[in-house]
Amino acid sequence: MELTLFKDISRALSPELPSNLGTMDQHLDFILPKVIPFGEDLSEGGFWLGKRWKEVRDDEGFHEAILHIFNAGGEYLLSLDGNVLKGSWKQLGASNSLILELAGKSELFDLRFLNSDFLVLTKHGDQARKGQRKYFFLVHEPATRGPQGEIDWRNLMEKMFNIWRENSIGLGSWALLFIFIFIILYLSFSR
């Protein structure tokens, strides 16, 4: 209960996610610098290995159910509407980079953010110049569902922004808030 109260206060004191951002890439450009300090590294396999990661896009015509599964030992499974392709993954040294190999094609991706619900990668190189999407946005499959069913990409952006919002109010801010409340209470009872 107490932790929920702090999260609610943090959200109330933090700014809203701007509504004029437009595309998912623009949302991620805004959100990622804020949440990166709260993320993990690929070396922490418990956060991403053996989980069902659903690919999320903002394309109007994107309706496929694409799952990415990175198993220990380098096995990579891609499920496209339930049809599975096998490939492999390899971490590039100690860096936060992955090489994904599938159907004779190898691609290099750099980690941008990782936690228990989100895995955000970028393909190495200038993809925007080639007309490609900038981010490879994966969400742990259970986090894509809400009480009313599937959560759309905009609500997932809000959920990701909440990582920063719930962690952005530091101890100093809490101290100021409590001092402010104390002053108000003191002044109201001292009359």
N, C-alpha and C. Protein backbone atom coordinates (compact mmCIF):
# COMPACT_ATOMS: atom_id res chain seq x y z
N MET A 1 0.82 -1.19 0.00
CA MET A 1 0.00 0.00 0.00
C MET A 1 0.86 1.25 0.00
N GLU A 2 1.91 1.27 0.85
CA GLU A 2 2.77 2.43 0.97
C GLU A 2 3.52 2.69 -0.34
N LEU A 3 4.01 1.64 -0.99
CA LEU A 3 4.73 1.79 -2.25
C LEU A 3 3.80 2.33 -3.34
N THR A 4 2.57 1.90 -3.37
CA THR A 4 1.59 2.41 -4.33
C THR A 4 1.34 3.89 -4.11
N LEU A 5 1.27 4.32 -2.86
CA LEU A 5 1.07 5.74 -2.55
C LEU A 5 2.23 6.56 -3.10
N PHE A 6 3.47 6.10 -2.91
CA PHE A 6 4.63 6.83 -3.42
C PHE A 6 4.62 6.89 -4.94
N LYS A 7 4.22 5.80 -5.60
CA LYS A 7 4.12 5.81 -7.06
C LYS A 7 3.07 6.79 -7.53
N ASP A 8 1.93 6.82 -6.84
CA ASP A 8 0.87 7.75 -7.22
C ASP A 8 1.32 9.19 -7.04
N ILE A 9 2.01 9.49 -5.94
CA ILE A 9 2.50 10.85 -5.72
C ILE A 9 3.55 11.20 -6.77
N SER A 10 4.45 10.26 -7.09
CA SER A 10 5.47 10.51 -8.11
C SER A 10 4.84 10.84 -9.45
N ARG A 11 3.81 10.09 -9.82
CA ARG A 11 3.11 10.35 -11.09
C ARG A 11 2.46 11.72 -11.07
N ALA A 12 1.86 12.07 -9.93
CA ALA A 12 1.16 13.35 -9.84
C ALA A 12 2.13 14.53 -9.93
N LEU A 13 3.34 14.37 -9.40
CA LEU A 13 4.32 15.45 -9.41
C LEU A 13 5.16 15.48 -10.67
N SER A 14 5.11 14.44 -11.49
CA SER A 14 5.92 14.37 -12.70
C SER A 14 5.11 14.86 -13.90
N PRO A 15 5.81 15.36 -14.89
CA PRO A 15 5.10 15.83 -16.08
C PRO A 15 4.47 14.68 -16.87
N GLU A 16 3.48 15.03 -17.67
CA GLU A 16 2.81 14.06 -18.53
C GLU A 16 3.66 13.78 -19.77
N LEU A 17 3.42 12.65 -20.38
CA LEU A 17 4.04 12.33 -21.66
C LEU A 17 3.42 13.25 -22.70
N PRO A 18 4.25 14.03 -23.43
CA PRO A 18 3.69 14.96 -24.42
C PRO A 18 2.81 14.24 -25.44
N SER A 19 1.71 14.86 -25.79
CA SER A 19 0.76 14.24 -26.71
C SER A 19 1.09 14.52 -28.18
N ASN A 20 2.05 15.38 -28.44
CA ASN A 20 2.36 15.77 -29.81
C ASN A 20 3.58 15.04 -30.38
N LEU A 21 3.95 13.91 -29.82
CA LEU A 21 5.17 13.22 -30.27
C LEU A 21 5.01 12.51 -31.61
N GLY A 22 3.83 12.02 -31.92
CA GLY A 22 3.60 11.41 -33.23
C GLY A 22 3.90 9.93 -33.26
N THR A 23 4.99 9.54 -33.93
CA THR A 23 5.29 8.13 -34.17
C THR A 23 5.88 7.45 -32.93
N MET A 24 5.94 6.13 -33.01
CA MET A 24 6.53 5.36 -31.92
C MET A 24 8.02 5.70 -31.79
N ASP A 25 8.71 5.87 -32.91
CA ASP A 25 10.13 6.25 -32.85
C ASP A 25 10.30 7.58 -32.13
N GLN A 26 9.44 8.55 -32.39
CA GLN A 26 9.52 9.85 -31.71
C GLN A 26 9.22 9.71 -30.22
N HIS A 27 8.28 8.85 -29.87
CA HIS A 27 8.02 8.59 -28.45
C HIS A 27 9.26 8.00 -27.79
N LEU A 28 9.86 7.01 -28.44
CA LEU A 28 11.04 6.37 -27.86
C LEU A 28 12.22 7.34 -27.79
N ASP A 29 12.38 8.22 -28.78
CA ASP A 29 13.42 9.24 -28.71
C ASP A 29 13.27 10.09 -27.46
N PHE A 30 12.03 10.38 -27.09
CA PHE A 30 11.76 11.20 -25.91
C PHE A 30 11.92 10.41 -24.60
N ILE A 31 11.44 9.17 -24.59
CA ILE A 31 11.39 8.37 -23.35
C ILE A 31 12.73 7.73 -22.99
N LEU A 32 13.44 7.19 -23.97
CA LEU A 32 14.65 6.41 -23.68
C LEU A 32 15.70 7.16 -22.85
N PRO A 33 16.03 8.42 -23.17
CA PRO A 33 17.04 9.09 -22.32
C PRO A 33 16.63 9.18 -20.85
N LYS A 34 15.34 9.18 -20.59
CA LYS A 34 14.86 9.28 -19.22
C LYS A 34 14.91 7.94 -18.49
N VAL A 35 14.64 6.83 -19.19
CA VAL A 35 14.54 5.53 -18.52
C VAL A 35 15.84 4.74 -18.51
N ILE A 36 16.80 5.10 -19.34
CA ILE A 36 18.05 4.33 -19.43
C ILE A 36 18.70 4.11 -18.06
N PRO A 37 18.73 5.11 -17.16
CA PRO A 37 19.35 4.85 -15.84
C PRO A 37 18.67 3.75 -15.03
N PHE A 38 17.44 3.39 -15.40
CA PHE A 38 16.69 2.37 -14.66
C PHE A 38 16.70 1.03 -15.37
N GLY A 39 17.55 0.89 -16.38
CA GLY A 39 17.60 -0.33 -17.18
C GLY A 39 18.70 -1.29 -16.74
N GLU A 40 18.72 -2.42 -17.41
CA GLU A 40 19.67 -3.49 -17.13
C GLU A 40 20.56 -3.71 -18.34
N ASP A 41 21.53 -4.60 -18.20
CA ASP A 41 22.44 -4.97 -19.29
C ASP A 41 22.10 -6.36 -19.80
N LEU A 42 22.54 -6.67 -21.01
CA LEU A 42 22.33 -8.00 -21.57
C LEU A 42 23.02 -9.09 -20.75
N SER A 43 24.05 -8.72 -20.00
CA SER A 43 24.74 -9.72 -19.16
C SER A 43 23.82 -10.25 -18.07
N GLU A 44 22.73 -9.55 -17.79
CA GLU A 44 21.77 -9.99 -16.79
C GLU A 44 20.66 -10.77 -17.49
N GLY A 45 20.98 -12.00 -17.86
CA GLY A 45 20.10 -12.85 -18.66
C GLY A 45 18.73 -13.11 -18.06
N GLY A 46 18.61 -13.05 -16.74
CA GLY A 46 17.31 -13.28 -16.10
C GLY A 46 16.24 -12.31 -16.54
N PHE A 47 16.66 -11.16 -17.07
CA PHE A 47 15.69 -10.16 -17.51
C PHE A 47 15.14 -10.44 -18.90
N TRP A 48 15.87 -11.21 -19.72
CA TRP A 48 15.42 -11.35 -21.10
C TRP A 48 15.47 -12.75 -21.67
N LEU A 49 16.26 -13.63 -21.12
CA LEU A 49 16.37 -14.98 -21.68
C LEU A 49 15.17 -15.84 -21.32
N GLY A 50 14.70 -16.65 -22.27
CA GLY A 50 13.62 -17.59 -22.05
C GLY A 50 12.25 -16.95 -21.94
N LYS A 51 12.13 -15.68 -22.29
CA LYS A 51 10.85 -14.98 -22.21
C LYS A 51 10.26 -14.79 -23.61
N ARG A 52 8.96 -14.66 -23.66
CA ARG A 52 8.26 -14.40 -24.92
C ARG A 52 8.15 -12.88 -25.10
N TRP A 53 8.91 -12.36 -26.07
CA TRP A 53 8.94 -10.93 -26.36
C TRP A 53 8.10 -10.65 -27.59
N LYS A 54 7.06 -9.87 -27.42
CA LYS A 54 6.17 -9.54 -28.53
C LYS A 54 6.69 -8.28 -29.23
N GLU A 55 6.78 -8.36 -30.54
CA GLU A 55 7.21 -7.21 -31.33
C GLU A 55 6.04 -6.25 -31.47
N VAL A 56 6.30 -4.98 -31.20
CA VAL A 56 5.27 -3.95 -31.29
C VAL A 56 5.72 -2.90 -32.30
N ARG A 57 4.80 -2.54 -33.18
CA ARG A 57 5.06 -1.51 -34.19
C ARG A 57 3.88 -0.55 -34.23
N ASP A 58 4.12 0.61 -34.81
CA ASP A 58 3.03 1.57 -34.97
C ASP A 58 2.50 1.61 -36.40
N ASP A 59 2.94 0.69 -37.25
CA ASP A 59 2.46 0.62 -38.63
C ASP A 59 0.98 0.28 -38.63
N GLU A 60 0.21 1.02 -39.41
CA GLU A 60 -1.24 0.76 -39.51
C GLU A 60 -1.53 -0.66 -40.00
N GLY A 61 -0.76 -1.17 -40.94
CA GLY A 61 -1.02 -2.48 -41.52
C GLY A 61 -0.38 -3.64 -40.77
N PHE A 62 0.21 -3.37 -39.62
CA PHE A 62 0.88 -4.42 -38.86
C PHE A 62 -0.10 -5.11 -37.93
N HIS A 63 -0.46 -6.34 -38.27
CA HIS A 63 -1.42 -7.08 -37.44
C HIS A 63 -0.91 -8.47 -37.08
N GLU A 64 0.31 -8.79 -37.46
CA GLU A 64 0.86 -10.11 -37.16
C GLU A 64 1.21 -10.21 -35.68
N ALA A 65 1.17 -11.42 -35.17
CA ALA A 65 1.64 -11.70 -33.81
C ALA A 65 3.04 -12.26 -33.95
N ILE A 66 4.03 -11.42 -33.68
CA ILE A 66 5.43 -11.82 -33.81
C ILE A 66 6.05 -11.91 -32.42
N LEU A 67 6.52 -13.10 -32.09
CA LEU A 67 7.21 -13.32 -30.82
C LEU A 67 8.67 -13.63 -31.08
N HIS A 68 9.53 -13.11 -30.21
CA HIS A 68 10.96 -13.38 -30.26
C HIS A 68 11.32 -14.03 -28.93
N ILE A 69 11.99 -15.17 -29.01
CA ILE A 69 12.39 -15.89 -27.81
C ILE A 69 13.89 -16.15 -27.89
N PHE A 70 14.60 -15.66 -26.89
CA PHE A 70 16.05 -15.83 -26.81
C PHE A 70 16.32 -16.84 -25.71
N ASN A 71 16.64 -18.07 -26.09
CA ASN A 71 16.91 -19.11 -25.10
C ASN A 71 18.39 -19.14 -24.76
N ALA A 72 18.70 -19.63 -23.56
CA ALA A 72 20.09 -19.80 -23.15
C ALA A 72 20.79 -20.71 -24.14
N GLY A 73 22.05 -20.50 -24.32
CA GLY A 73 22.82 -21.33 -25.25
C GLY A 73 22.80 -20.78 -26.68
N GLY A 74 22.16 -19.65 -26.89
CA GLY A 74 22.20 -19.02 -28.20
C GLY A 74 21.07 -19.38 -29.14
N GLU A 75 20.07 -20.12 -28.68
CA GLU A 75 18.95 -20.45 -29.56
C GLU A 75 17.99 -19.25 -29.65
N TYR A 76 17.63 -18.89 -30.88
CA TYR A 76 16.71 -17.79 -31.14
C TYR A 76 15.52 -18.35 -31.89
N LEU A 77 14.31 -18.11 -31.37
CA LEU A 77 13.09 -18.56 -32.01
C LEU A 77 12.26 -17.35 -32.41
N LEU A 78 11.78 -17.36 -33.62
CA LEU A 78 10.90 -16.31 -34.13
C LEU A 78 9.58 -16.96 -34.48
N SER A 79 8.52 -16.53 -33.82
CA SER A 79 7.19 -17.07 -34.08
C SER A 79 6.37 -16.01 -34.80
N LEU A 80 5.95 -16.32 -36.01
CA LEU A 80 5.12 -15.42 -36.80
C LEU A 80 3.75 -16.06 -36.91
N ASP A 81 2.79 -15.52 -36.16
CA ASP A 81 1.44 -16.07 -36.08
C ASP A 81 1.47 -17.57 -35.78
N GLY A 82 2.38 -17.98 -34.90
CA GLY A 82 2.46 -19.37 -34.48
C GLY A 82 3.38 -20.25 -35.31
N ASN A 83 3.87 -19.76 -36.44
CA ASN A 83 4.83 -20.51 -37.27
C ASN A 83 6.24 -20.14 -36.82
N VAL A 84 7.01 -21.15 -36.41
CA VAL A 84 8.29 -20.90 -35.75
C VAL A 84 9.46 -21.12 -36.71
N LEU A 85 10.37 -20.14 -36.68
CA LEU A 85 11.65 -20.25 -37.39
C LEU A 85 12.75 -20.30 -36.34
N LYS A 86 13.75 -21.15 -36.57
CA LYS A 86 14.86 -21.27 -35.63
C LYS A 86 16.07 -20.51 -36.17
N GLY A 87 16.73 -19.85 -35.26
CA GLY A 87 17.95 -19.14 -35.59
C GLY A 87 18.87 -19.18 -34.38
N SER A 88 19.77 -18.22 -34.33
CA SER A 88 20.68 -18.15 -33.19
C SER A 88 20.94 -16.69 -32.83
N TRP A 89 21.35 -16.50 -31.60
CA TRP A 89 21.76 -15.18 -31.15
C TRP A 89 23.11 -15.32 -30.48
N LYS A 90 23.85 -14.24 -30.49
CA LYS A 90 25.17 -14.23 -29.86
C LYS A 90 25.42 -12.83 -29.34
N GLN A 91 25.86 -12.73 -28.08
CA GLN A 91 26.22 -11.43 -27.55
C GLN A 91 27.62 -11.10 -28.04
N LEU A 92 27.80 -9.89 -28.49
CA LEU A 92 29.08 -9.45 -29.05
C LEU A 92 30.01 -9.05 -27.91
N GLY A 93 30.88 -9.97 -27.53
CA GLY A 93 31.81 -9.71 -26.43
C GLY A 93 31.07 -9.36 -25.16
N ALA A 94 31.60 -8.37 -24.43
CA ALA A 94 30.97 -7.92 -23.19
C ALA A 94 30.07 -6.71 -23.45
N SER A 95 29.91 -6.37 -24.71
CA SER A 95 29.09 -5.19 -25.03
C SER A 95 27.61 -5.52 -24.96
N ASN A 96 26.81 -4.50 -25.03
CA ASN A 96 25.36 -4.66 -25.05
C ASN A 96 24.88 -4.72 -26.49
N SER A 97 25.47 -5.64 -27.24
CA SER A 97 25.12 -5.83 -28.65
C SER A 97 24.83 -7.30 -28.90
N LEU A 98 23.84 -7.54 -29.77
CA LEU A 98 23.45 -8.90 -30.14
C LEU A 98 23.58 -9.09 -31.65
N ILE A 99 24.05 -10.25 -32.02
CA ILE A 99 24.00 -10.66 -33.42
C ILE A 99 22.88 -11.69 -33.53
N LEU A 100 21.90 -11.39 -34.36
CA LEU A 100 20.80 -12.32 -34.59
C LEU A 100 20.98 -12.95 -35.95
N GLU A 101 20.94 -14.27 -36.00
CA GLU A 101 21.08 -15.00 -37.25
C GLU A 101 19.81 -15.79 -37.49
N LEU A 102 19.22 -15.59 -38.68
CA LEU A 102 17.98 -16.25 -39.03
C LEU A 102 17.91 -16.40 -40.53
N ALA A 103 17.66 -17.60 -40.99
CA ALA A 103 17.50 -17.89 -42.43
C ALA A 103 18.68 -17.38 -43.25
N GLY A 104 19.88 -17.60 -42.76
CA GLY A 104 21.07 -17.22 -43.50
C GLY A 104 21.41 -15.74 -43.46
N LYS A 105 20.69 -14.97 -42.69
CA LYS A 105 20.92 -13.53 -42.59
C LYS A 105 21.37 -13.19 -41.17
N SER A 106 22.42 -12.38 -41.03
CA SER A 106 22.91 -11.95 -39.73
C SER A 106 22.73 -10.45 -39.59
N GLU A 107 22.26 -10.02 -38.42
CA GLU A 107 22.07 -8.60 -38.17
C GLU A 107 22.63 -8.24 -36.79
N LEU A 108 23.20 -7.04 -36.69
CA LEU A 108 23.78 -6.56 -35.44
C LEU A 108 22.84 -5.54 -34.81
N PHE A 109 22.46 -5.78 -33.56
CA PHE A 109 21.58 -4.88 -32.82
C PHE A 109 22.27 -4.42 -31.55
N ASP A 110 22.05 -3.15 -31.21
CA ASP A 110 22.58 -2.58 -29.97
C ASP A 110 21.43 -2.38 -28.98
N LEU A 111 21.69 -2.70 -27.72
CA LEU A 111 20.69 -2.54 -26.68
C LEU A 111 20.51 -1.06 -26.36
N ARG A 112 19.26 -0.62 -26.28
CA ARG A 112 18.95 0.74 -25.86
C ARG A 112 18.30 0.74 -24.48
N PHE A 113 17.48 -0.27 -24.19
CA PHE A 113 16.87 -0.35 -22.87
C PHE A 113 16.39 -1.77 -22.62
N LEU A 114 16.52 -2.19 -21.36
CA LEU A 114 16.07 -3.52 -20.95
C LEU A 114 15.61 -3.45 -19.50
N ASN A 115 14.42 -3.98 -19.27
CA ASN A 115 13.96 -4.27 -17.91
C ASN A 115 13.07 -5.50 -18.02
N SER A 116 12.31 -5.81 -17.00
CA SER A 116 11.52 -7.04 -17.04
C SER A 116 10.38 -6.99 -18.04
N ASP A 117 9.96 -5.79 -18.49
CA ASP A 117 8.85 -5.68 -19.43
C ASP A 117 9.25 -5.20 -20.83
N PHE A 118 10.35 -4.50 -20.97
CA PHE A 118 10.71 -3.90 -22.24
C PHE A 118 12.13 -4.26 -22.67
N LEU A 119 12.26 -4.54 -23.96
CA LEU A 119 13.56 -4.77 -24.58
C LEU A 119 13.57 -3.94 -25.86
N VAL A 120 14.40 -2.89 -25.86
CA VAL A 120 14.47 -1.98 -26.99
C VAL A 120 15.87 -2.08 -27.60
N LEU A 121 15.88 -2.42 -28.89
CA LEU A 121 17.13 -2.56 -29.63
C LEU A 121 17.12 -1.61 -30.83
N THR A 122 18.30 -1.28 -31.32
CA THR A 122 18.42 -0.58 -32.59
C THR A 122 19.36 -1.38 -33.47
N LYS A 123 19.01 -1.46 -34.73
CA LYS A 123 19.91 -2.11 -35.67
C LYS A 123 21.07 -1.17 -35.93
N HIS A 124 22.27 -1.71 -35.92
CA HIS A 124 23.46 -0.89 -36.08
C HIS A 124 23.44 -0.20 -37.45
N GLY A 125 23.82 1.04 -37.46
CA GLY A 125 23.83 1.82 -38.69
C GLY A 125 22.69 2.83 -38.71
N ASP A 126 22.64 3.62 -39.76
CA ASP A 126 21.62 4.66 -39.88
C ASP A 126 20.42 4.11 -40.64
N GLN A 127 19.50 3.49 -39.89
CA GLN A 127 18.33 2.86 -40.50
C GLN A 127 17.33 3.88 -41.03
N ALA A 128 17.25 5.05 -40.37
CA ALA A 128 16.29 6.08 -40.80
C ALA A 128 16.63 6.57 -42.20
N ARG A 129 17.90 6.66 -42.50
CA ARG A 129 18.33 7.11 -43.83
C ARG A 129 17.88 6.11 -44.90
N LYS A 130 17.78 4.86 -44.52
CA LYS A 130 17.36 3.80 -45.46
C LYS A 130 15.85 3.61 -45.47
N GLY A 131 15.13 4.47 -44.73
CA GLY A 131 13.68 4.34 -44.68
C GLY A 131 13.20 3.24 -43.75
N GLN A 132 14.07 2.73 -42.90
CA GLN A 132 13.72 1.67 -41.96
C GLN A 132 13.31 2.29 -40.62
N ARG A 133 12.59 1.53 -39.83
CA ARG A 133 12.26 2.02 -38.50
C ARG A 133 13.52 2.05 -37.66
N LYS A 134 13.55 2.98 -36.74
CA LYS A 134 14.74 3.21 -35.92
C LYS A 134 14.88 2.18 -34.80
N TYR A 135 13.75 1.84 -34.16
CA TYR A 135 13.80 0.96 -32.99
C TYR A 135 13.14 -0.38 -33.25
N PHE A 136 13.67 -1.38 -32.61
CA PHE A 136 13.12 -2.72 -32.58
C PHE A 136 12.56 -2.85 -31.17
N PHE A 137 11.23 -2.65 -31.02
CA PHE A 137 10.57 -2.53 -29.74
C PHE A 137 9.89 -3.83 -29.37
N LEU A 138 10.38 -4.47 -28.31
CA LEU A 138 9.84 -5.74 -27.85
C LEU A 138 9.30 -5.57 -26.43
N VAL A 139 8.14 -6.18 -26.19
CA VAL A 139 7.50 -6.09 -24.89
C VAL A 139 7.23 -7.51 -24.40
N HIS A 140 7.55 -7.77 -23.13
CA HIS A 140 7.26 -9.08 -22.55
C HIS A 140 5.77 -9.34 -22.73
N GLU A 141 5.43 -10.44 -23.34
CA GLU A 141 4.05 -10.68 -23.78
C GLU A 141 2.98 -10.41 -22.72
N PRO A 142 3.15 -10.85 -21.46
CA PRO A 142 2.09 -10.55 -20.48
C PRO A 142 1.86 -9.05 -20.27
N ALA A 143 2.89 -8.22 -20.47
CA ALA A 143 2.75 -6.77 -20.28
C ALA A 143 1.97 -6.10 -21.41
N THR A 144 1.70 -6.85 -22.49
CA THR A 144 0.93 -6.27 -23.61
C THR A 144 -0.56 -6.43 -23.42
N ARG A 145 -0.95 -7.08 -22.34
CA ARG A 145 -2.38 -7.31 -22.09
C ARG A 145 -2.85 -6.49 -20.90
N GLY A 146 -4.02 -5.92 -21.05
CA GLY A 146 -4.65 -5.19 -19.95
C GLY A 146 -6.00 -5.79 -19.64
N PRO A 147 -6.76 -5.16 -18.76
CA PRO A 147 -8.09 -5.68 -18.40
C PRO A 147 -9.04 -5.77 -19.59
N GLN A 148 -8.89 -4.86 -20.56
CA GLN A 148 -9.77 -4.86 -21.72
C GLN A 148 -9.15 -5.58 -22.92
N GLY A 149 -8.05 -6.27 -22.73
CA GLY A 149 -7.41 -6.99 -23.83
C GLY A 149 -6.06 -6.41 -24.19
N GLU A 150 -5.74 -6.50 -25.45
CA GLU A 150 -4.43 -6.07 -25.96
C GLU A 150 -4.23 -4.56 -25.79
N ILE A 151 -3.06 -4.17 -25.29
CA ILE A 151 -2.72 -2.75 -25.10
C ILE A 151 -2.07 -2.23 -26.38
N ASP A 152 -2.51 -1.09 -26.89
CA ASP A 152 -1.92 -0.54 -28.11
C ASP A 152 -0.57 0.11 -27.81
N TRP A 153 0.17 0.44 -28.88
CA TRP A 153 1.53 0.94 -28.71
C TRP A 153 1.58 2.25 -27.94
N ARG A 154 0.58 3.11 -28.07
CA ARG A 154 0.59 4.39 -27.35
C ARG A 154 0.48 4.16 -25.83
N ASN A 155 -0.34 3.22 -25.42
CA ASN A 155 -0.45 2.92 -23.99
C ASN A 155 0.80 2.22 -23.47
N LEU A 156 1.47 1.46 -24.34
CA LEU A 156 2.74 0.86 -23.94
C LEU A 156 3.81 1.94 -23.75
N MET A 157 3.76 3.00 -24.57
CA MET A 157 4.68 4.13 -24.40
C MET A 157 4.43 4.80 -23.04
N GLU A 158 3.16 4.94 -22.70
CA GLU A 158 2.80 5.53 -21.40
C GLU A 158 3.33 4.64 -20.26
N LYS A 159 3.19 3.34 -20.43
CA LYS A 159 3.67 2.38 -19.43
C LYS A 159 5.19 2.48 -19.27
N MET A 160 5.89 2.63 -20.39
CA MET A 160 7.34 2.76 -20.33
C MET A 160 7.74 4.10 -19.71
N PHE A 161 7.01 5.16 -20.03
CA PHE A 161 7.27 6.48 -19.45
C PHE A 161 7.08 6.45 -17.94
N ASN A 162 6.16 5.62 -17.47
CA ASN A 162 5.92 5.49 -16.02
C ASN A 162 7.15 4.99 -15.28
N ILE A 163 8.03 4.27 -15.96
CA ILE A 163 9.28 3.81 -15.32
C ILE A 163 10.04 5.02 -14.82
N TRP A 164 10.15 6.03 -15.66
CA TRP A 164 10.85 7.26 -15.27
C TRP A 164 10.03 8.03 -14.24
N ARG A 165 8.75 8.16 -14.52
CA ARG A 165 7.88 8.96 -13.65
C ARG A 165 7.88 8.42 -12.22
N GLU A 166 7.83 7.10 -12.07
CA GLU A 166 7.77 6.50 -10.74
C GLU A 166 9.12 6.51 -10.03
N ASN A 167 10.20 6.72 -10.76
CA ASN A 167 11.52 6.72 -10.16
C ASN A 167 12.18 8.10 -10.16
N SER A 168 11.55 9.09 -10.76
CA SER A 168 12.21 10.39 -10.95
C SER A 168 12.18 11.29 -9.73
N ILE A 169 11.26 11.06 -8.83
CA ILE A 169 11.18 11.90 -7.64
C ILE A 169 12.20 11.38 -6.64
N GLY A 170 13.26 12.14 -6.44
CA GLY A 170 14.34 11.73 -5.55
C GLY A 170 14.01 11.99 -4.09
N LEU A 171 14.93 11.59 -3.23
CA LEU A 171 14.74 11.77 -1.79
C LEU A 171 14.63 13.24 -1.43
N GLY A 172 15.38 14.09 -2.12
CA GLY A 172 15.30 15.52 -1.85
C GLY A 172 13.92 16.07 -2.12
N SER A 173 13.31 15.62 -3.21
CA SER A 173 11.96 16.07 -3.54
C SER A 173 10.95 15.60 -2.51
N TRP A 174 11.12 14.35 -2.05
CA TRP A 174 10.24 13.84 -1.02
C TRP A 174 10.41 14.64 0.27
N ALA A 175 11.66 14.96 0.61
CA ALA A 175 11.91 15.75 1.82
C ALA A 175 11.24 17.11 1.72
N LEU A 176 11.36 17.77 0.56
CA LEU A 176 10.71 19.07 0.36
C LEU A 176 9.20 18.94 0.48
N LEU A 177 8.63 17.89 -0.09
CA LEU A 177 7.19 17.68 -0.01
C LEU A 177 6.75 17.53 1.44
N PHE A 178 7.47 16.72 2.22
CA PHE A 178 7.09 16.52 3.62
C PHE A 178 7.30 17.79 4.45
N ILE A 179 8.35 18.56 4.16
CA ILE A 179 8.55 19.84 4.85
C ILE A 179 7.40 20.79 4.54
N PHE A 180 7.01 20.82 3.28
CA PHE A 180 5.89 21.68 2.85
C PHE A 180 4.60 21.27 3.57
N ILE A 181 4.32 19.98 3.63
CA ILE A 181 3.13 19.49 4.33
C ILE A 181 3.22 19.83 5.82
N PHE A 182 4.41 19.65 6.39
CA PHE A 182 4.59 19.96 7.81
C PHE A 182 4.33 21.44 8.08
N ILE A 183 4.82 22.32 7.23
CA ILE A 183 4.61 23.76 7.40
C ILE A 183 3.12 24.10 7.31
N ILE A 184 2.45 23.51 6.35
CA ILE A 184 1.01 23.76 6.21
C ILE A 184 0.26 23.29 7.46
N LEU A 185 0.57 22.11 7.93
CA LEU A 185 -0.08 21.59 9.14
C LEU A 185 0.26 22.44 10.36
N TYR A 186 1.51 22.84 10.48
CA TYR A 186 1.94 23.66 11.61
C TYR A 186 1.19 25.00 11.62
N LEU A 187 1.12 25.63 10.44
CA LEU A 187 0.44 26.92 10.35
C LEU A 187 -1.06 26.80 10.60
N SER A 188 -1.66 25.70 10.16
CA SER A 188 -3.09 25.53 10.35
C SER A 188 -3.46 25.23 11.80
N PHE A 189 -2.56 24.56 12.55
CA PHE A 189 -2.86 24.24 13.94
C PHE A 189 -2.35 25.30 14.92
N SER A 190 -1.48 26.19 14.49
CA SER A 190 -0.91 27.18 15.39
C SER A 190 -1.80 28.41 15.55
N ARG A 191 -2.88 28.50 14.88
CA ARG A 191 -3.77 29.66 14.97
C ARG A 191 -4.66 29.57 16.13
